[in-house]
């Protein structure tokens, strides 16, 4: 699905990119970065299309999303000083 078609599906569902990202546990920038590629991965396109269809038929998708309870991913590069990618293991001993 093209990014423009993806946005049209979100619009049909009454969602912004930020709200969609929140619903599926992604960072909004991760979703909007697909604009550069011009296409959206099939799993995100499918979710957007299903949400749009549910909205068209006045089916509340919020309880369905709540059953899954997607956990928001941390942004990349969220590592602390001396730690690899934010790993909770002990410090690697690197100092800046």
PDB file of N, CA and C in Angstrom:
ATOM      1  N   UNK A   1       0.851  -1.173   0.000  1.00  0.00           N
ATOM      2  CA  UNK A   1       0.000   0.000   0.000  1.00  0.00           C
ATOM      3  C   UNK A   1       0.890   1.227   0.000  1.00  0.00           C
ATOM      4  N   UNK A   2       0.530   2.200  -0.800  1.00  0.00           N
ATOM      5  CA  UNK A   2       1.297   3.444  -0.807  1.00  0.00           C
ATOM      6  C   UNK A   2       1.051   4.201   0.499  1.00  0.00           C
ATOM      7  N   UNK A   3       1.973   5.079   0.807  1.00  0.00           N
ATOM      8  CA  UNK A   3       1.833   5.868   2.025  1.00  0.00           C
ATOM      9  C   UNK A   3       0.600   6.766   1.941  1.00  0.00           C
ATOM     10  N   UNK A   4       0.334   7.314   0.766  1.00  0.00           N
ATOM     11  CA  UNK A   4      -0.847   8.167   0.594  1.00  0.00           C
ATOM     12  C   UNK A   4      -2.143   7.379   0.815  1.00  0.00           C
ATOM     13  N   UNK A   5      -2.192   6.142   0.306  1.00  0.00           N
ATOM     14  CA  UNK A   5      -3.369   5.296   0.542  1.00  0.00           C
ATOM     15  C   UNK A   5      -3.502   4.929   2.019  1.00  0.00           C
ATOM     16  N   UNK A   6      -2.362   4.724   2.657  1.00  0.00           N
ATOM     17  CA  UNK A   6      -2.339   4.446   4.092  1.00  0.00           C
ATOM     18  C   UNK A   6      -2.946   5.617   4.869  1.00  0.00           C
ATOM     19  N   UNK A   7      -2.527   6.839   4.510  1.00  0.00           N
ATOM     20  CA  UNK A   7      -3.085   8.023   5.169  1.00  0.00           C
ATOM     21  C   UNK A   7      -4.586   8.142   4.926  1.00  0.00           C
ATOM     22  N   UNK A   8      -5.032   7.774   3.731  1.00  0.00           N
ATOM     23  CA  UNK A   8      -6.470   7.807   3.429  1.00  0.00           C
ATOM     24  C   UNK A   8      -7.223   6.812   4.310  1.00  0.00           C
ATOM     25  N   UNK A   9      -6.644   5.642   4.528  1.00  0.00           N
ATOM     26  CA  UNK A   9      -7.276   4.647   5.415  1.00  0.00           C
ATOM     27  C   UNK A   9      -7.335   5.176   6.844  1.00  0.00           C
ATOM     28  N   UNK A  10      -6.245   5.783   7.302  1.00  0.00           N
ATOM     29  CA  UNK A  10      -6.251   6.364   8.651  1.00  0.00           C
ATOM     30  C   UNK A  10      -7.314   7.444   8.760  1.00  0.00           C
ATOM     31  N   UNK A  11      -7.425   8.264   7.734  1.00  0.00           N
ATOM     32  CA  UNK A  11      -8.435   9.315   7.716  1.00  0.00           C
ATOM     33  C   UNK A  11      -9.838   8.711   7.796  1.00  0.00           C
ATOM     34  N   UNK A  12     -10.067   7.627   7.057  1.00  0.00           N
ATOM     35  CA  UNK A  12     -11.373   6.948   7.102  1.00  0.00           C
ATOM     36  C   UNK A  12     -11.674   6.410   8.492  1.00  0.00           C
ATOM     37  N   UNK A  13     -10.609   6.015   9.190  1.00  0.00           N
ATOM     38  CA  UNK A  13     -10.775   5.504  10.555  1.00  0.00           C
ATOM     39  C   UNK A  13     -10.843   6.634  11.576  1.00  0.00           C
ATOM     40  N   UNK A  14     -10.623   7.872  11.131  1.00  0.00           N
ATOM     41  CA  UNK A  14     -10.627   9.005  12.053  1.00  0.00           C
ATOM     42  C   UNK A  14      -9.378   9.078  12.908  1.00  0.00           C
ATOM     43  N   UNK A  15      -8.260   8.605  12.353  1.00  0.00           N
ATOM     44  CA  UNK A  15      -7.016   8.542  13.116  1.00  0.00           C
ATOM     45  C   UNK A  15      -5.939   9.415  12.501  1.00  0.00           C
ATOM     46  N   UNK A  16      -5.109   9.965  13.357  1.00  0.00           N
ATOM     47  CA  UNK A  16      -3.891  10.636  12.920  1.00  0.00           C
ATOM     48  C   UNK A  16      -2.765   9.594  12.939  1.00  0.00           C
ATOM     49  N   UNK A  17      -1.644   9.925  12.347  1.00  0.00           N
ATOM     50  CA  UNK A  17      -0.491   9.025  12.392  1.00  0.00           C
ATOM     51  C   UNK A  17      -0.070   8.808  13.840  1.00  0.00           C
ATOM     52  N   UNK A  18      -0.091   9.871  14.638  1.00  0.00           N
ATOM     53  CA  UNK A  18       0.290   9.746  16.052  1.00  0.00           C
ATOM     54  C   UNK A  18      -0.637   8.798  16.801  1.00  0.00           C
ATOM     55  N   UNK A  19      -1.929   8.940  16.601  1.00  0.00           N
ATOM     56  CA  UNK A  19      -2.887   8.070  17.303  1.00  0.00           C
ATOM     57  C   UNK A  19      -2.745   6.629  16.825  1.00  0.00           C
ATOM     58  N   UNK A  20      -2.561   6.419  15.525  1.00  0.00           N
ATOM     59  CA  UNK A  20      -2.353   5.074  15.004  1.00  0.00           C
ATOM     60  C   UNK A  20      -1.110   4.457  15.637  1.00  0.00           C
ATOM     61  N   UNK A  21      -0.013   5.222  15.676  1.00  0.00           N
ATOM     62  CA  UNK A  21       1.221   4.722  16.274  1.00  0.00           C
ATOM     63  C   UNK A  21       0.999   4.341  17.734  1.00  0.00           C
ATOM     64  N   UNK A  22       0.272   5.160  18.471  1.00  0.00           N
ATOM     65  CA  UNK A  22      -0.039   4.842  19.870  1.00  0.00           C
ATOM     66  C   UNK A  22      -0.828   3.541  19.979  1.00  0.00           C
ATOM     67  N   UNK A  23      -1.793   3.360  19.085  1.00  0.00           N
ATOM     68  CA  UNK A  23      -2.628   2.159  19.130  1.00  0.00           C
ATOM     69  C   UNK A  23      -1.837   0.876  18.892  1.00  0.00           C
ATOM     70  N   UNK A  24      -0.862   0.943  17.984  1.00  0.00           N
ATOM     71  CA  UNK A  24      -0.118  -0.269  17.633  1.00  0.00           C
ATOM     72  C   UNK A  24       1.225  -0.381  18.348  1.00  0.00           C
ATOM     73  N   UNK A  25       1.513   0.565  19.249  1.00  0.00           N
ATOM     74  CA  UNK A  25       2.723   0.481  20.062  1.00  0.00           C
ATOM     75  C   UNK A  25       3.993   0.900  19.345  1.00  0.00           C
ATOM     76  N   UNK A  26       3.868   1.811  18.397  1.00  0.00           N
ATOM     77  CA  UNK A  26       5.034   2.303  17.664  1.00  0.00           C
ATOM     78  C   UNK A  26       5.287   3.772  17.988  1.00  0.00           C
ATOM     79  N   UNK A  27       6.467   4.222  17.632  1.00  0.00           N
ATOM     80  CA  UNK A  27       6.776   5.641  17.730  1.00  0.00           C
ATOM     81  C   UNK A  27       6.176   6.326  16.497  1.00  0.00           C
ATOM     82  N   UNK A  28       5.553   7.486  16.643  1.00  0.00           N
ATOM     83  CA  UNK A  28       4.986   8.182  15.481  1.00  0.00           C
ATOM     84  C   UNK A  28       5.995   8.418  14.359  1.00  0.00           C
ATOM     85  N   UNK A  29       7.240   8.732  14.709  1.00  0.00           N
ATOM     86  CA  UNK A  29       8.264   8.950  13.682  1.00  0.00           C
ATOM     87  C   UNK A  29       8.533   7.685  12.880  1.00  0.00           C
ATOM     88  N   UNK A  30       8.449   6.522  13.530  1.00  0.00           N
ATOM     89  CA  UNK A  30       8.667   5.262  12.828  1.00  0.00           C
ATOM     90  C   UNK A  30       7.606   5.053  11.757  1.00  0.00           C
ATOM     91  N   UNK A  31       6.382   5.457  12.040  1.00  0.00           N
ATOM     92  CA  UNK A  31       5.304   5.324  11.060  1.00  0.00           C
ATOM     93  C   UNK A  31       5.479   6.357   9.955  1.00  0.00           C
ATOM     94  N   UNK A  32       5.723   7.601  10.323  1.00  0.00           N
ATOM     95  CA  UNK A  32       5.829   8.657   9.312  1.00  0.00           C
ATOM     96  C   UNK A  32       7.075   8.505   8.442  1.00  0.00           C
ATOM     97  N   UNK A  33       8.081   7.769   8.911  1.00  0.00           N
ATOM     98  CA  UNK A  33       9.281   7.540   8.099  1.00  0.00           C
ATOM     99  C   UNK A  33       8.971   6.739   6.834  1.00  0.00           C
ATOM    100  N   UNK A  34       7.862   6.015   6.813  1.00  0.00           N
ATOM    101  CA  UNK A  34       7.496   5.252   5.620  1.00  0.00           C
ATOM    102  C   UNK A  34       7.121   6.171   4.457  1.00  0.00           C
ATOM    103  N   UNK A  35       6.870   7.422   4.737  1.00  0.00           N
ATOM    104  CA  UNK A  35       6.568   8.371   3.664  1.00  0.00           C
ATOM    105  C   UNK A  35       7.744   8.455   2.696  1.00  0.00           C
ATOM    106  N   UNK A  36       8.972   8.407   3.225  1.00  0.00           N
ATOM    107  CA  UNK A  36      10.170   8.472   2.386  1.00  0.00           C
ATOM    108  C   UNK A  36      10.236   7.280   1.432  1.00  0.00           C
ATOM    109  N   UNK A  37       9.840   6.121   1.913  1.00  0.00           N
ATOM    110  CA  UNK A  37       9.861   4.907   1.093  1.00  0.00           C
ATOM    111  C   UNK A  37       8.720   4.887   0.087  1.00  0.00           C
ATOM    112  N   UNK A  38       7.652   5.588   0.437  1.00  0.00           N
ATOM    113  CA  UNK A  38       6.484   5.619  -0.441  1.00  0.00           C
ATOM    114  C   UNK A  38       5.510   4.483  -0.207  1.00  0.00           C
ATOM    115  N   UNK A  39       5.919   3.475   0.525  1.00  0.00           N
ATOM    116  CA  UNK A  39       5.052   2.333   0.820  1.00  0.00           C
ATOM    117  C   UNK A  39       5.100   2.004   2.303  1.00  0.00           C
ATOM    118  N   UNK A  40       4.015   1.380   2.748  1.00  0.00           N
ATOM    119  CA  UNK A  40       3.880   0.978   4.144  1.00  0.00           C
ATOM    120  C   UNK A  40       3.926  -0.546   4.185  1.00  0.00           C
ATOM    121  N   UNK A  41       4.579  -1.134   5.198  1.00  0.00           N
ATOM    122  CA  UNK A  41       4.589  -2.591   5.302  1.00  0.00           C
ATOM    123  C   UNK A  41       3.163  -3.150   5.344  1.00  0.00           C
ATOM    124  N   UNK A  42       3.023  -4.353   4.817  1.00  0.00           N
ATOM    125  CA  UNK A  42       1.694  -4.941   4.671  1.00  0.00           C
ATOM    126  C   UNK A  42       0.971  -5.073   6.009  1.00  0.00           C
ATOM    127  N   UNK A  43       1.676  -5.357   7.091  1.00  0.00           N
ATOM    128  CA  UNK A  43       0.988  -5.530   8.372  1.00  0.00           C
ATOM    129  C   UNK A  43       0.378  -4.207   8.861  1.00  0.00           C
ATOM    130  N   UNK A  44       1.068  -3.092   8.637  1.00  0.00           N
ATOM    131  CA  UNK A  44       0.505  -1.803   9.033  1.00  0.00           C
ATOM    132  C   UNK A  44      -0.635  -1.396   8.109  1.00  0.00           C
ATOM    133  N   UNK A  45      -0.481  -1.696   6.812  1.00  0.00           N
ATOM    134  CA  UNK A  45      -1.544  -1.406   5.850  1.00  0.00           C
ATOM    135  C   UNK A  45      -2.803  -2.203   6.199  1.00  0.00           C
ATOM    136  N   UNK A  46      -2.622  -3.450   6.560  1.00  0.00           N
ATOM    137  CA  UNK A  46      -3.758  -4.300   6.926  1.00  0.00           C
ATOM    138  C   UNK A  46      -4.465  -3.769   8.167  1.00  0.00           C
ATOM    139  N   UNK A  47      -3.705  -3.378   9.167  1.00  0.00           N
ATOM    140  CA  UNK A  47      -4.296  -2.828  10.395  1.00  0.00           C
ATOM    141  C   UNK A  47      -5.078  -1.557  10.086  1.00  0.00           C
ATOM    142  N   UNK A  48      -4.471  -0.667   9.313  1.00  0.00           N
ATOM    143  CA  UNK A  48      -5.144   0.595   8.965  1.00  0.00           C
ATOM    144  C   UNK A  48      -6.433   0.323   8.187  1.00  0.00           C
ATOM    145  N   UNK A  49      -6.387  -0.616   7.247  1.00  0.00           N
ATOM    146  CA  UNK A  49      -7.575  -0.943   6.456  1.00  0.00           C
ATOM    147  C   UNK A  49      -8.678  -1.547   7.314  1.00  0.00           C
ATOM    148  N   UNK A  50      -8.295  -2.426   8.218  1.00  0.00           N
ATOM    149  CA  UNK A  50      -9.292  -3.036   9.116  1.00  0.00           C
ATOM    150  C   UNK A  50      -9.906  -1.997  10.052  1.00  0.00           C
ATOM    151  N   UNK A  51      -9.092  -1.092  10.572  1.00  0.00           N
ATOM    152  CA  UNK A  51      -9.620  -0.035  11.439  1.00  0.00           C
ATOM    153  C   UNK A  51     -10.566   0.873  10.665  1.00  0.00           C
ATOM    154  N   UNK A  52     -10.221   1.186   9.414  1.00  0.00           N
ATOM    155  CA  UNK A  52     -11.086   2.025   8.581  1.00  0.00           C
ATOM    156  C   UNK A  52     -12.414   1.315   8.322  1.00  0.00           C
ATOM    157  N   UNK A  53     -12.356   0.023   8.018  1.00  0.00           N
ATOM    158  CA  UNK A  53     -13.583  -0.742   7.759  1.00  0.00           C
ATOM    159  C   UNK A  53     -14.446  -0.832   9.011  1.00  0.00           C
ATOM    160  N   UNK A  54     -13.811  -1.067  10.147  1.00  0.00           N
ATOM    161  CA  UNK A  54     -14.559  -1.123  11.404  1.00  0.00           C
ATOM    162  C   UNK A  54     -15.233   0.220  11.683  1.00  0.00           C
ATOM    163  N   UNK A  55     -14.503   1.284  11.453  1.00  0.00           N
ATOM    164  CA  UNK A  55     -15.050   2.619  11.677  1.00  0.00           C
ATOM    165  C   UNK A  55     -16.223   2.900  10.743  1.00  0.00           C
ATOM    166  N   UNK A  56     -16.103   2.492   9.484  1.00  0.00           N
ATOM    167  CA  UNK A  56     -17.181   2.676   8.510  1.00  0.00           C
ATOM    168  C   UNK A  56     -18.460   1.990   8.968  1.00  0.00           C
ATOM    169  N   UNK A  57     -18.300   0.827   9.595  1.00  0.00           N
ATOM    170  CA  UNK A  57     -19.460   0.054  10.080  1.00  0.00           C
ATOM    171  C   UNK A  57     -19.798   0.371  11.538  1.00  0.00           C
ATOM    172  N   UNK A  58     -19.202   1.454  12.031  1.00  0.00           N
ATOM    173  CA  UNK A  58     -19.442   1.924  13.406  1.00  0.00           C
ATOM    174  C   UNK A  58     -19.162   0.833  14.457  1.00  0.00           C
ATOM    175  N   UNK A  59     -18.087   0.099  14.236  1.00  0.00           N
ATOM    176  CA  UNK A  59     -17.626  -0.904  15.202  1.00  0.00           C
ATOM    177  C   UNK A  59     -16.469  -0.287  15.971  1.00  0.00           C
ATOM    178  N   UNK A  60     -16.596  -0.259  17.284  1.00  0.00           N
ATOM    179  CA  UNK A  60     -15.565   0.332  18.136  1.00  0.00           C
ATOM    180  C   UNK A  60     -14.357  -0.604  18.201  1.00  0.00           C
ATOM    181  N   UNK A  61     -13.230  -0.147  17.687  1.00  0.00           N
ATOM    182  CA  UNK A  61     -12.027  -0.975  17.676  1.00  0.00           C
ATOM    183  C   UNK A  61     -11.207  -0.841  18.957  1.00  0.00           C
ATOM    184  N   UNK A  62     -11.505   0.143  19.774  1.00  0.00           N
ATOM    185  CA  UNK A  62     -10.732   0.358  21.007  1.00  0.00           C
ATOM    186  C   UNK A  62     -10.698  -0.880  21.914  1.00  0.00           C
ATOM    187  N   UNK A  63     -11.847  -1.557  22.171  1.00  0.00           N
ATOM    188  CA  UNK A  63     -11.792  -2.747  23.025  1.00  0.00           C
ATOM    189  C   UNK A  63     -10.948  -3.871  22.421  1.00  0.00           C
ATOM    190  N   UNK A  64     -10.936  -3.972  21.114  1.00  0.00           N
ATOM    191  CA  UNK A  64     -10.134  -5.003  20.446  1.00  0.00           C
ATOM    192  C   UNK A  64      -8.648  -4.717  20.659  1.00  0.00           C
ATOM    193  N   UNK A  65      -8.258  -3.480  20.455  1.00  0.00           N
ATOM    194  CA  UNK A  65      -6.862  -3.084  20.669  1.00  0.00           C
ATOM    195  C   UNK A  65      -6.485  -3.280  22.134  1.00  0.00           C
ATOM    196  N   UNK A  66      -7.383  -2.949  23.038  1.00  0.00           N
ATOM    197  CA  UNK A  66      -7.112  -3.080  24.476  1.00  0.00           C
ATOM    198  C   UNK A  66      -6.878  -4.541  24.873  1.00  0.00           C
ATOM    199  N   UNK A  67      -7.544  -5.466  24.204  1.00  0.00           N
ATOM    200  CA  UNK A  67      -7.333  -6.895  24.505  1.00  0.00           C
ATOM    201  C   UNK A  67      -5.916  -7.318  24.175  1.00  0.00           C
ATOM    202  N   UNK A  68      -5.351  -6.741  23.137  1.00  0.00           N
ATOM    203  CA  UNK A  68      -3.997  -7.101  22.715  1.00  0.00           C
ATOM    204  C   UNK A  68      -2.955  -6.418  23.589  1.00  0.00           C
ATOM    205  N   UNK A  69      -3.246  -5.222  24.047  1.00  0.00           N
ATOM    206  CA  UNK A  69      -2.370  -4.411  24.895  1.00  0.00           C
ATOM    207  C   UNK A  69      -0.972  -4.244  24.299  1.00  0.00           C
ATOM    208  N   UNK A  70      -0.866  -3.612  23.125  1.00  0.00           N
ATOM    209  CA  UNK A  70       0.473  -3.408  22.547  1.00  0.00           C
ATOM    210  C   UNK A  70       1.319  -2.527  23.446  1.00  0.00           C
ATOM    211  N   UNK A  71       2.569  -2.899  23.598  1.00  0.00           N
ATOM    212  CA  UNK A  71       3.510  -2.152  24.423  1.00  0.00           C
ATOM    213  C   UNK A  71       4.308  -1.246  23.509  1.00  0.00           C
ATOM    214  N   UNK A  72       4.373   0.015  23.860  1.00  0.00           N
ATOM    215  CA  UNK A  72       5.092   0.990  23.042  1.00  0.00           C
ATOM    216  C   UNK A  72       6.587   0.699  23.084  1.00  0.00           C
ATOM    217  N   UNK A  73       7.188   0.628  21.909  1.00  0.00           N
ATOM    218  CA  UNK A  73       8.621   0.395  21.820  1.00  0.00           C
ATOM    219  C   UNK A  73       9.372   1.660  22.177  1.00  0.00           C
ATOM    220  N   UNK A  74      10.547   1.489  22.759  1.00  0.00           N
ATOM    221  CA  UNK A  74      11.401   2.634  23.060  1.00  0.00           C
ATOM    222  C   UNK A  74      12.065   3.099  21.782  1.00  0.00           C
ATOM    223  N   UNK A  75      12.313   4.401  21.675  1.00  0.00           N
ATOM    224  CA  UNK A  75      13.029   4.893  20.490  1.00  0.00           C
ATOM    225  C   UNK A  75      14.427   4.291  20.425  1.00  0.00           C
ATOM    226  N   UNK A  76      14.911   4.088  19.205  1.00  0.00           N
ATOM    227  CA  UNK A  76      16.284   3.604  19.035  1.00  0.00           C
ATOM    228  C   UNK A  76      17.240   4.670  19.532  1.00  0.00           C
ATOM    229  N   UNK A  77      18.401   4.209  19.951  1.00  0.00           N
ATOM    230  CA  UNK A  77      19.399   5.150  20.424  1.00  0.00           C
ATOM    231  C   UNK A  77      19.134   5.609  21.840  1.00  0.00           C
ATOM    232  N   UNK A  78      18.312   4.849  22.571  1.00  0.00           N
ATOM    233  CA  UNK A  78      17.956   5.234  23.933  1.00  0.00           C
ATOM    234  C   UNK A  78      18.924   4.652  24.959  1.00  0.00           C
ATOM    235  N   UNK A  79      20.126   4.331  24.528  1.00  0.00           N
ATOM    236  CA  UNK A  79      21.096   3.737  25.431  1.00  0.00           C
ATOM    237  C   UNK A  79      21.618   4.759  26.423  1.00  0.00           C
ATOM    238  N   UNK A  80      21.880   4.284  27.607  1.00  0.00           N
ATOM    239  CA  UNK A  80      22.506   5.129  28.612  1.00  0.00           C
ATOM    240  C   UNK A  80      24.014   5.112  28.416  1.00  0.00           C
ATOM    241  N   UNK A  81      24.710   5.990  29.082  1.00  0.00           N
ATOM    242  CA  UNK A  81      26.154   6.043  28.972  1.00  0.00           C
ATOM    243  C   UNK A  81      26.808   4.741  29.392  1.00  0.00           C
ATOM    244  N   UNK A  82      27.692   4.185  28.538  1.00  0.00           N
ATOM    245  CA  UNK A  82      28.394   2.947  28.863  1.00  0.00           C
ATOM    246  C   UNK A  82      27.556   1.704  28.715  1.00  0.00           C
ATOM    247  N   UNK A  83      26.403   1.801  28.114  1.00  0.00           N
ATOM    248  CA  UNK A  83      25.526   0.642  27.941  1.00  0.00           C
ATOM    249  C   UNK A  83      25.204   0.472  26.468  1.00  0.00           C
ATOM    250  N   UNK A  84      25.066  -0.761  26.066  1.00  0.00           N
ATOM    251  CA  UNK A  84      24.761  -1.058  24.676  1.00  0.00           C
ATOM    252  C   UNK A  84      23.259  -1.066  24.466  1.00  0.00           C
ATOM    253  N   UNK A  85      22.749  -0.133  23.671  1.00  0.00           N
ATOM    254  CA  UNK A  85      21.331  -0.066  23.287  1.00  0.00           C
ATOM    255  C   UNK A  85      20.383  -0.106  24.477  1.00  0.00           C
ATOM    256  N   UNK A  86      20.789   0.480  25.568  1.00  0.00           N
ATOM    257  CA  UNK A  86      19.908   0.545  26.723  1.00  0.00           C
ATOM    258  C   UNK A  86      19.781  -0.766  27.467  1.00  0.00           C
ATOM    259  N   UNK A  87      20.683  -1.728  27.180  1.00  0.00           N
ATOM    260  CA  UNK A  87      20.640  -3.039  27.823  1.00  0.00           C
ATOM    261  C   UNK A  87      20.741  -2.861  29.333  1.00  0.00           C
ATOM    262  N   UNK A  88      19.947  -3.616  30.070  1.00  0.00           N
ATOM    263  CA  UNK A  88      19.908  -3.470  31.524  1.00  0.00           C
ATOM    264  C   UNK A  88      21.032  -4.225  32.223  1.00  0.00           C
ATOM    265  N   UNK A  89      21.939  -4.809  31.449  1.00  0.00           N
ATOM    266  CA  UNK A  89      23.083  -5.497  32.047  1.00  0.00           C
ATOM    267  C   UNK A  89      24.002  -4.472  32.696  1.00  0.00           C
ATOM    268  N   UNK A  90      25.038  -4.984  33.301  1.00  0.00           N
ATOM    269  CA  UNK A  90      25.968  -4.081  33.973  1.00  0.00           C
ATOM    270  C   UNK A  90      26.668  -3.179  32.977  1.00  0.00           C
ATOM    271  N   UNK A  91      27.213  -2.103  33.459  1.00  0.00           N
ATOM    272  CA  UNK A  91      27.899  -1.131  32.641  1.00  0.00           C
ATOM    273  C   UNK A  91      29.102  -1.778  31.929  1.00  0.00           C
ATOM    274  N   UNK A  92      29.337  -1.372  30.685  1.00  0.00           N
ATOM    275  CA  UNK A  92      30.453  -1.907  29.908  1.00  0.00           C
ATOM    276  C   UNK A  92      31.778  -1.218  30.256  1.00  0.00           C
ATOM    277  N   UNK A  93      31.708  -0.158  31.038  1.00  0.00           N
ATOM    278  CA  UNK A  93      32.897   0.524  31.478  1.00  0.00           C
ATOM    279  C   UNK A  93      33.409   1.582  30.505  1.00  0.00           C
ATOM    280  N   UNK A  94      32.624   1.892  29.493  1.00  0.00           N
ATOM    281  CA  UNK A  94      33.019   2.947  28.568  1.00  0.00           C
ATOM    282  C   UNK A  94      32.590   4.290  29.151  1.00  0.00           C
ATOM    283  N   UNK A  95      33.436   5.241  29.096  1.00  0.00           N
ATOM    284  CA  UNK A  95      33.102   6.561  29.619  1.00  0.00           C
ATOM    285  C   UNK A  95      33.363   7.596  28.543  1.00  0.00           C
ATOM    286  N   UNK A  96      32.538   8.602  28.493  1.00  0.00           N
ATOM    287  CA  UNK A  96      32.697   9.658  27.507  1.00  0.00           C
ATOM    288  C   UNK A  96      33.282  10.875  28.119  1.00  0.00           C
TER     289      UNK A  96
END
